[in-house]
Protein backbone atom coordinates (compact mmCIF):
# COMPACT_ATOMS: atom_id res chain seq x y z
CA MET A 1 -62.35 -6.02 -21.79
CA ILE A 2 -59.60 -5.01 -19.34
CA SER A 3 -61.03 -3.64 -16.11
CA THR A 4 -60.17 -0.19 -14.76
CA SER A 5 -58.78 -1.72 -11.57
CA PHE A 6 -56.36 -3.89 -13.55
CA LEU A 7 -55.25 -0.89 -15.61
CA LEU A 8 -54.55 1.21 -12.52
CA ALA A 9 -52.70 -1.64 -10.83
CA ALA A 10 -50.57 -2.27 -13.92
CA LEU A 11 -49.71 1.40 -14.35
CA SER A 12 -48.85 1.72 -10.67
CA LEU A 13 -46.56 -1.31 -10.76
CA VAL A 14 -44.68 -0.27 -13.88
CA PHE A 15 -44.29 3.34 -12.76
CA SER A 16 -43.33 2.98 -9.12
CA LEU A 17 -41.79 -0.48 -8.78
CA SER A 18 -38.52 -0.39 -6.87
CA HIS A 19 -36.27 -3.34 -7.66
CA GLU A 20 -33.85 -5.06 -5.34
CA PRO A 21 -33.93 -8.49 -6.93
CA SER A 22 -30.95 -10.02 -5.23
CA SER A 23 -32.27 -9.26 -1.76
CA GLN A 24 -35.78 -10.54 -2.38
CA ALA A 25 -35.03 -14.24 -2.62
CA ARG A 26 -35.54 -15.91 0.74
CA ALA A 27 -33.20 -18.66 1.73
CA PHE A 28 -34.02 -21.46 4.14
CA THR A 29 -32.05 -23.92 6.17
CA PRO A 30 -33.44 -27.45 6.43
CA ASN A 31 -34.18 -28.92 9.82
CA SER A 32 -31.18 -30.56 11.37
CA ARG A 33 -31.24 -34.30 11.69
CA THR A 34 -29.69 -36.44 14.37
CA ILE A 35 -27.28 -38.98 12.92
CA PRO A 36 -26.90 -42.09 15.06
CA THR A 37 -23.37 -42.85 16.17
CA ARG A 38 -21.64 -46.15 15.68
CA SER A 39 -18.72 -47.76 17.37
CA THR A 40 -16.88 -47.88 14.05
CA SER A 41 -15.77 -44.72 12.34
CA LEU A 42 -17.74 -43.52 9.34
CA PRO A 43 -16.09 -42.34 6.13
CA SER A 44 -15.73 -38.61 5.90
CA PHE A 45 -17.79 -36.68 3.38
CA SER A 46 -18.26 -33.11 2.23
CA PRO A 47 -21.67 -31.58 2.92
CA SER A 48 -23.81 -30.45 0.02
CA PRO A 49 -23.78 -26.74 -0.82
CA SER A 50 -26.02 -24.63 1.35
CA PRO A 51 -29.57 -24.31 -0.04
CA ARG A 52 -29.30 -20.56 0.26
CA HIS A 53 -26.83 -20.55 -2.64
CA SER A 54 -29.11 -22.55 -4.90
CA LEU A 55 -32.09 -20.36 -4.10
CA ARG A 56 -30.52 -17.08 -5.04
CA LEU A 57 -32.46 -15.89 -8.06
CA HIS A 58 -30.16 -14.80 -10.86
CA VAL A 59 -28.08 -12.46 -8.73
CA ASN A 60 -25.91 -11.64 -11.76
CA ASP A 61 -28.88 -10.70 -13.93
CA PRO A 62 -31.37 -8.43 -12.15
CA THR A 63 -33.82 -8.66 -15.05
CA LYS A 64 -34.46 -12.35 -14.27
CA SER A 65 -36.04 -11.76 -10.87
CA PRO A 66 -39.78 -12.64 -10.64
CA ILE A 67 -40.78 -9.02 -9.98
CA ALA A 68 -38.72 -7.68 -12.88
CA SER A 69 -40.15 -10.34 -15.21
CA LEU A 70 -43.69 -9.39 -14.18
CA ALA A 71 -42.99 -5.71 -14.75
CA ASP A 72 -41.53 -6.50 -18.17
CA LYS A 73 -44.64 -8.47 -19.16
CA ILE A 74 -46.91 -5.63 -18.05
CA GLN A 75 -44.76 -3.14 -19.95
CA THR A 76 -45.06 -5.29 -23.08
CA ILE A 77 -48.86 -5.24 -22.73
CA LEU A 78 -48.84 -1.48 -22.28
CA ALA A 79 -46.62 -0.99 -25.33
CA LYS A 80 -48.78 -3.16 -27.59
CA THR A 81 -52.17 -1.95 -26.39
CA SER A 82 -52.70 1.61 -27.55
CA PRO A 83 -55.35 2.70 -24.97
CA LEU A 84 -53.25 1.37 -22.10
CA ASN A 85 -50.09 3.00 -23.39
CA ALA A 86 -51.95 6.27 -23.86
CA ALA A 87 -53.13 6.03 -20.26
CA LYS A 88 -49.57 5.51 -19.06
CA LEU A 89 -48.33 8.49 -21.07
CA SER A 90 -51.10 10.59 -19.55
CA LEU A 91 -50.22 9.41 -16.05
CA VAL A 92 -46.53 10.26 -16.49
CA LYS A 93 -47.49 13.67 -17.86
CA SER A 94 -49.75 14.41 -14.90
CA LEU A 95 -47.12 13.31 -12.38
CA ALA A 96 -44.65 15.75 -13.93
CA GLY A 97 -46.92 18.61 -12.90
CA ASP A 98 -46.52 22.09 -14.35
CA TYR A 99 -43.24 22.49 -16.20
CA ASP A 100 -41.80 24.38 -19.15
CA ALA A 101 -42.33 21.87 -21.94
CA ALA A 102 -40.32 23.85 -24.51
CA ALA A 103 -37.31 24.28 -22.22
CA THR A 104 -37.42 20.63 -21.12
CA ARG A 105 -37.64 19.43 -24.72
CA GLN A 106 -34.70 21.66 -25.61
CA LYS A 107 -32.71 20.14 -22.73
CA LEU A 108 -33.55 16.60 -23.85
CA ASP A 109 -32.64 17.39 -27.46
CA GLY A 110 -29.34 18.83 -26.22
CA LEU A 111 -28.54 15.74 -24.17
CA ILE A 112 -29.18 13.54 -27.21
CA SER A 113 -27.13 15.65 -29.63
CA GLU A 114 -24.22 16.41 -27.28
CA ASN A 115 -23.56 12.89 -26.04
CA PRO A 116 -22.41 10.08 -28.35
CA VAL A 117 -24.22 7.63 -26.06
CA LEU A 118 -27.06 8.71 -23.77
CA MET A 119 -29.11 6.67 -21.33
CA LEU A 120 -32.16 7.84 -19.41
CA SER A 121 -32.40 5.60 -16.37
CA PHE A 122 -33.79 4.87 -12.90
CA THR A 123 -31.21 3.99 -10.26
CA THR A 124 -33.07 0.88 -9.01
CA CYS A 125 -34.48 -0.38 -12.32
CA PRO A 126 -33.04 -3.87 -13.04
CA PHE A 127 -33.21 -3.36 -16.79
CA CYS A 128 -31.24 -0.10 -16.42
CA ILE A 129 -28.67 -1.87 -14.26
CA LYS A 130 -28.24 -4.59 -16.87
CA ALA A 131 -27.98 -2.09 -19.72
CA LYS A 132 -25.27 -0.22 -17.83
CA SER A 133 -23.37 -3.46 -17.28
CA VAL A 134 -23.37 -4.12 -21.04
CA LEU A 135 -22.00 -0.66 -21.77
CA ASP A 136 -19.59 -0.74 -18.82
CA ALA A 137 -18.03 -3.90 -20.22
CA LYS A 138 -16.85 -1.79 -23.16
CA GLY A 139 -15.04 0.80 -21.06
CA SER A 140 -14.60 2.33 -17.61
CA LYS A 141 -17.10 1.49 -14.87
CA ASP A 142 -16.19 4.68 -13.03
CA SER A 143 -19.28 6.90 -13.20
CA ASP A 144 -17.02 9.98 -13.39
CA SER A 145 -15.25 8.75 -16.51
CA ARG A 146 -17.90 6.74 -18.36
CA TYR A 147 -17.88 7.15 -22.11
CA TYR A 148 -21.67 7.35 -22.04
CA LYS A 149 -23.96 9.84 -20.31
CA VAL A 150 -26.49 8.61 -17.76
CA VAL A 151 -29.37 10.77 -16.55
CA GLU A 152 -31.05 9.22 -13.52
CA LEU A 153 -34.64 10.39 -13.80
CA ASP A 154 -35.45 9.42 -10.22
CA VAL A 155 -32.61 11.63 -8.94
CA GLU A 156 -32.70 14.69 -11.20
CA GLY A 157 -34.96 17.48 -10.04
CA ASP A 158 -36.60 17.72 -13.47
CA GLY A 159 -36.51 13.97 -14.08
CA LYS A 160 -40.30 13.61 -14.21
CA ALA A 161 -40.53 16.42 -16.74
CA ILE A 162 -37.79 14.88 -18.89
CA ARG A 163 -39.61 11.54 -18.78
CA ALA A 164 -42.85 13.23 -19.81
CA GLU A 165 -41.14 14.90 -22.77
CA MET A 166 -39.52 11.59 -23.70
CA GLY A 167 -43.04 10.20 -23.85
CA GLU A 168 -44.08 13.00 -26.19
CA MET A 169 -41.01 12.35 -28.36
CA LEU A 170 -41.05 8.55 -28.51
CA GLY A 171 -44.56 7.52 -27.53
CA ARG A 172 -43.08 5.51 -24.64
CA THR A 173 -41.85 6.34 -21.15
CA SER A 174 -40.09 3.12 -20.11
CA VAL A 175 -36.46 3.12 -19.06
CA PRO A 176 -33.73 2.58 -19.90
CA ALA A 177 -34.01 4.73 -22.99
CA ILE A 178 -30.76 4.73 -24.99
CA TRP A 179 -29.51 6.84 -27.89
CA ILE A 180 -26.33 6.16 -29.86
CA GLY A 181 -25.14 8.85 -32.25
CA GLY A 182 -28.41 10.70 -31.80
CA GLY A 183 -30.50 7.70 -32.85
CA PHE A 184 -32.84 5.96 -30.45
CA VAL A 185 -31.91 2.27 -30.21
CA GLY A 186 -34.41 1.24 -27.53
CA GLY A 187 -34.01 0.03 -23.99
CA CYS A 188 -32.44 -3.04 -22.48
CA ASN A 189 -34.19 -5.67 -24.61
CA ASP A 190 -36.77 -3.76 -26.64
CA GLY A 191 -37.14 -0.85 -29.02
CA PRO A 192 -36.65 -0.10 -32.72
CA LEU A 193 -33.24 -1.84 -32.85
CA GLY A 194 -34.08 -4.47 -30.26
CA GLY A 195 -32.34 -2.81 -27.33
CA ILE A 196 -28.76 -2.76 -26.08
CA VAL A 197 -28.64 -6.46 -25.15
CA LYS A 198 -29.82 -7.61 -28.57
CA LEU A 199 -27.31 -5.29 -30.27
CA GLU A 200 -24.52 -6.78 -28.17
CA GLU A 201 -25.63 -10.37 -28.84
CA SER A 202 -25.81 -9.73 -32.59
CA GLY A 203 -22.33 -8.17 -32.64
CA LYS A 204 -23.63 -4.81 -33.87
CA LEU A 205 -22.99 -2.79 -30.72
CA ASP A 206 -19.21 -2.50 -31.12
CA GLY A 207 -19.57 -1.14 -34.62
CA MET A 208 -22.12 1.44 -33.53
CA LEU A 209 -19.89 2.57 -30.66
CA LYS A 210 -16.88 2.81 -32.98
CA ASN A 211 -18.90 4.90 -35.42
CA VAL A 212 -19.51 7.53 -32.72
CA GLY A 213 -15.88 7.46 -31.59
CA VAL A 214 -16.19 5.93 -28.13
CA LEU A 215 -14.37 2.68 -28.91
């Protein structure tokens, strides 16, 4: 039996976690040592790389940070355990407050149908950052000329409402949430088609992007 306190802690972490993985790793410098001098010259040598470089945790992959990995594991539990997932959906719905569900659903449907590739995202989410990097590698990284549409739910005024309606639509509220050609493909590494990373690794992503005319 999972305790109420664990449930609340898990929901709080997954919902509100702010990720800055590359700045979280602490580096240290070993104590200096005194090297005795000799009358004869010693051969020159190159010092070993600074420990701070070896202790940086996957700076090129934000999803590999310890905090992101923990959040991913909790999200997996929530997705597979119906009561916990239902609790998360309810929490997201309550945090959205009073909103026009019909109008918000219409807006979400419009975003999906009008954009060949759509991503619902959080600006600081490491899995969103990685998903964007996969898509950016296929085209322009300039946010003003991207071939895909990004809606940052933590920036948009109705972002919480859109997330709540996404939960009603998909039965999940995790981000990133990505649609290609109107079909939901999942997130970064999960979902009905395995997510954007799995599609790229399998070689299927290019074909899907070509089918919707963005490559």
